[in-house]
Amino acid sequence: MLSNSDYNKISAINRRNGWGFTKQQLLRIGTQYRKAYESGDQHRMEWLEERLTDCNFHTECGYLADKDFAGYKKEVERCFA
């Protein structure tokens, strides 16, 4: 479960980045999420999901929440084609 401090940090990071991501940032988020999933780090997974959700990247977040890492990467590639 994320704390109010987590939400504030996420919002500050997203604001600083103009509420968007580069292709490399999205791919890195996917890699970080997969590593968190494999290690059982639920907090980190929620943190990354909230980062995407806060910037309205709901489709990408859905792929990660479903653990569809190939679909996530394909969606990121499609967005930047």
C-alpha atoms as a PDB file:
ATOM      1  CA  MET A   1       0.000   0.000   0.000  1.00  0.00           C
ATOM      2  CA  LEU A   2       1.309   3.398  -0.980  1.00  0.00           C
ATOM      3  CA  SER A   3       1.619   6.164   1.584  1.00  0.00           C
ATOM      4  CA  ASN A   4       0.719   9.826   1.138  1.00  0.00           C
ATOM      5  CA  SER A   5       4.442  10.486   0.907  1.00  0.00           C
ATOM      6  CA  ASP A   6       4.686   8.018  -1.995  1.00  0.00           C
ATOM      7  CA  TYR A   7       1.847   9.767  -3.832  1.00  0.00           C
ATOM      8  CA  ASN A   8       3.509  13.153  -3.283  1.00  0.00           C
ATOM      9  CA  LYS A   9       6.859  11.857  -4.599  1.00  0.00           C
ATOM     10  CA  ILE A  10       5.204  10.284  -7.634  1.00  0.00           C
ATOM     11  CA  SER A  11       3.330  13.485  -8.401  1.00  0.00           C
ATOM     12  CA  ALA A  12       6.504  15.563  -8.045  1.00  0.00           C
ATOM     13  CA  ILE A  13       8.464  13.273 -10.384  1.00  0.00           C
ATOM     14  CA  ASN A  14       5.665  13.258 -12.957  1.00  0.00           C
ATOM     15  CA  ARG A  15       5.253  17.035 -12.744  1.00  0.00           C
ATOM     16  CA  ARG A  16       9.003  17.511 -13.222  1.00  0.00           C
ATOM     17  CA  ASN A  17       8.834  15.275 -16.323  1.00  0.00           C
ATOM     18  CA  GLY A  18       5.890  17.154 -17.801  1.00  0.00           C
ATOM     19  CA  TRP A  19       3.452  14.272 -17.192  1.00  0.00           C
ATOM     20  CA  GLY A  20       5.052  12.248 -19.968  1.00  0.00           C
ATOM     21  CA  PHE A  21       7.665   9.613 -20.682  1.00  0.00           C
ATOM     22  CA  THR A  22      10.259   8.932 -23.311  1.00  0.00           C
ATOM     23  CA  LYS A  23      10.325   5.532 -24.944  1.00  0.00           C
ATOM     24  CA  GLN A  24      13.416   4.657 -22.914  1.00  0.00           C
ATOM     25  CA  GLN A  25      11.709   5.658 -19.658  1.00  0.00           C
ATOM     26  CA  LEU A  26       8.693   3.476 -20.414  1.00  0.00           C
ATOM     27  CA  LEU A  27      10.881   0.509 -21.315  1.00  0.00           C
ATOM     28  CA  ARG A  28      12.857   1.022 -18.083  1.00  0.00           C
ATOM     29  CA  ILE A  29       9.621   1.121 -16.080  1.00  0.00           C
ATOM     30  CA  GLY A  30       8.648  -2.191 -17.683  1.00  0.00           C
ATOM     31  CA  THR A  31      11.994  -3.724 -16.730  1.00  0.00           C
ATOM     32  CA  GLN A  32      11.781  -2.370 -13.180  1.00  0.00           C
ATOM     33  CA  TYR A  33       8.244  -3.684 -12.838  1.00  0.00           C
ATOM     34  CA  ARG A  34       9.225  -7.143 -14.045  1.00  0.00           C
ATOM     35  CA  LYS A  35      12.138  -7.281 -11.584  1.00  0.00           C
ATOM     36  CA  ALA A  36       9.837  -6.153  -8.760  1.00  0.00           C
ATOM     37  CA  TYR A  37       7.318  -8.831  -9.729  1.00  0.00           C
ATOM     38  CA  GLU A  38       9.961 -11.547  -9.850  1.00  0.00           C
ATOM     39  CA  SER A  39      11.312 -10.544  -6.439  1.00  0.00           C
ATOM     40  CA  GLY A  40       7.850 -10.134  -4.890  1.00  0.00           C
ATOM     41  CA  ASP A  41       8.249  -6.386  -4.267  1.00  0.00           C
ATOM     42  CA  GLN A  42       4.567  -5.425  -4.203  1.00  0.00           C
ATOM     43  CA  HIS A  43       5.270  -1.875  -3.023  1.00  0.00           C
ATOM     44  CA  ARG A  44       7.531  -1.153  -6.006  1.00  0.00           C
ATOM     45  CA  MET A  45       4.966  -2.635  -8.394  1.00  0.00           C
ATOM     46  CA  GLU A  46       2.237  -0.390  -6.971  1.00  0.00           C
ATOM     47  CA  TRP A  47       4.579   2.600  -7.112  1.00  0.00           C
ATOM     48  CA  LEU A  48       5.292   2.066 -10.819  1.00  0.00           C
ATOM     49  CA  GLU A  49       1.616   1.434 -11.597  1.00  0.00           C
ATOM     50  CA  GLU A  50       0.694   4.693  -9.867  1.00  0.00           C
ATOM     51  CA  ARG A  51       3.349   6.578 -11.829  1.00  0.00           C
ATOM     52  CA  LEU A  52       1.778   5.406 -15.069  1.00  0.00           C
ATOM     53  CA  THR A  53      -1.777   5.975 -13.864  1.00  0.00           C
ATOM     54  CA  ASP A  54      -0.976   9.491 -12.627  1.00  0.00           C
ATOM     55  CA  CYS A  55       0.137  10.373 -16.172  1.00  0.00           C
ATOM     56  CA  ASN A  56      -2.916   8.704 -17.758  1.00  0.00           C
ATOM     57  CA  PHE A  57      -0.971   5.772 -19.190  1.00  0.00           C
ATOM     58  CA  HIS A  58      -3.809   3.412 -18.286  1.00  0.00           C
ATOM     59  CA  THR A  59      -3.314   0.980 -21.169  1.00  0.00           C
ATOM     60  CA  GLU A  60       0.350   0.480 -20.353  1.00  0.00           C
ATOM     61  CA  CYS A  61      -0.442   0.123 -16.665  1.00  0.00           C
ATOM     62  CA  GLY A  62      -3.039  -2.529 -17.490  1.00  0.00           C
ATOM     63  CA  TYR A  63      -0.476  -4.610 -19.344  1.00  0.00           C
ATOM     64  CA  LEU A  64       1.853  -4.513 -16.353  1.00  0.00           C
ATOM     65  CA  ALA A  65      -0.937  -5.268 -13.879  1.00  0.00           C
ATOM     66  CA  ASP A  66      -1.823  -8.315 -16.014  1.00  0.00           C
ATOM     67  CA  LYS A  67       1.880  -9.304 -16.076  1.00  0.00           C
ATOM     68  CA  ASP A  68       1.767  -9.160 -19.882  1.00  0.00           C
ATOM     69  CA  PHE A  69       5.304  -7.889 -20.335  1.00  0.00           C
ATOM     70  CA  ALA A  70       5.428  -8.700 -24.057  1.00  0.00           C
ATOM     71  CA  GLY A  71       2.162  -6.806 -24.583  1.00  0.00           C
ATOM     72  CA  TYR A  72       3.524  -3.869 -22.609  1.00  0.00           C
ATOM     73  CA  LYS A  73       6.658  -3.674 -24.739  1.00  0.00           C
ATOM     74  CA  LYS A  74       4.602  -3.991 -27.922  1.00  0.00           C
ATOM     75  CA  GLU A  75       2.318  -1.139 -26.787  1.00  0.00           C
ATOM     76  CA  VAL A  76       5.303   1.079 -25.997  1.00  0.00           C
ATOM     77  CA  GLU A  77       6.813   0.329 -29.402  1.00  0.00           C
ATOM     78  CA  ARG A  78       3.449   1.083 -31.065  1.00  0.00           C
ATOM     79  CA  CYS A  79       3.178   4.444 -29.306  1.00  0.00           C
ATOM     80  CA  PHE A  80       6.564   5.541 -30.595  1.00  0.00           C
ATOM     81  CA  ALA A  81       6.282   4.149 -34.137  1.00  0.00           C
END
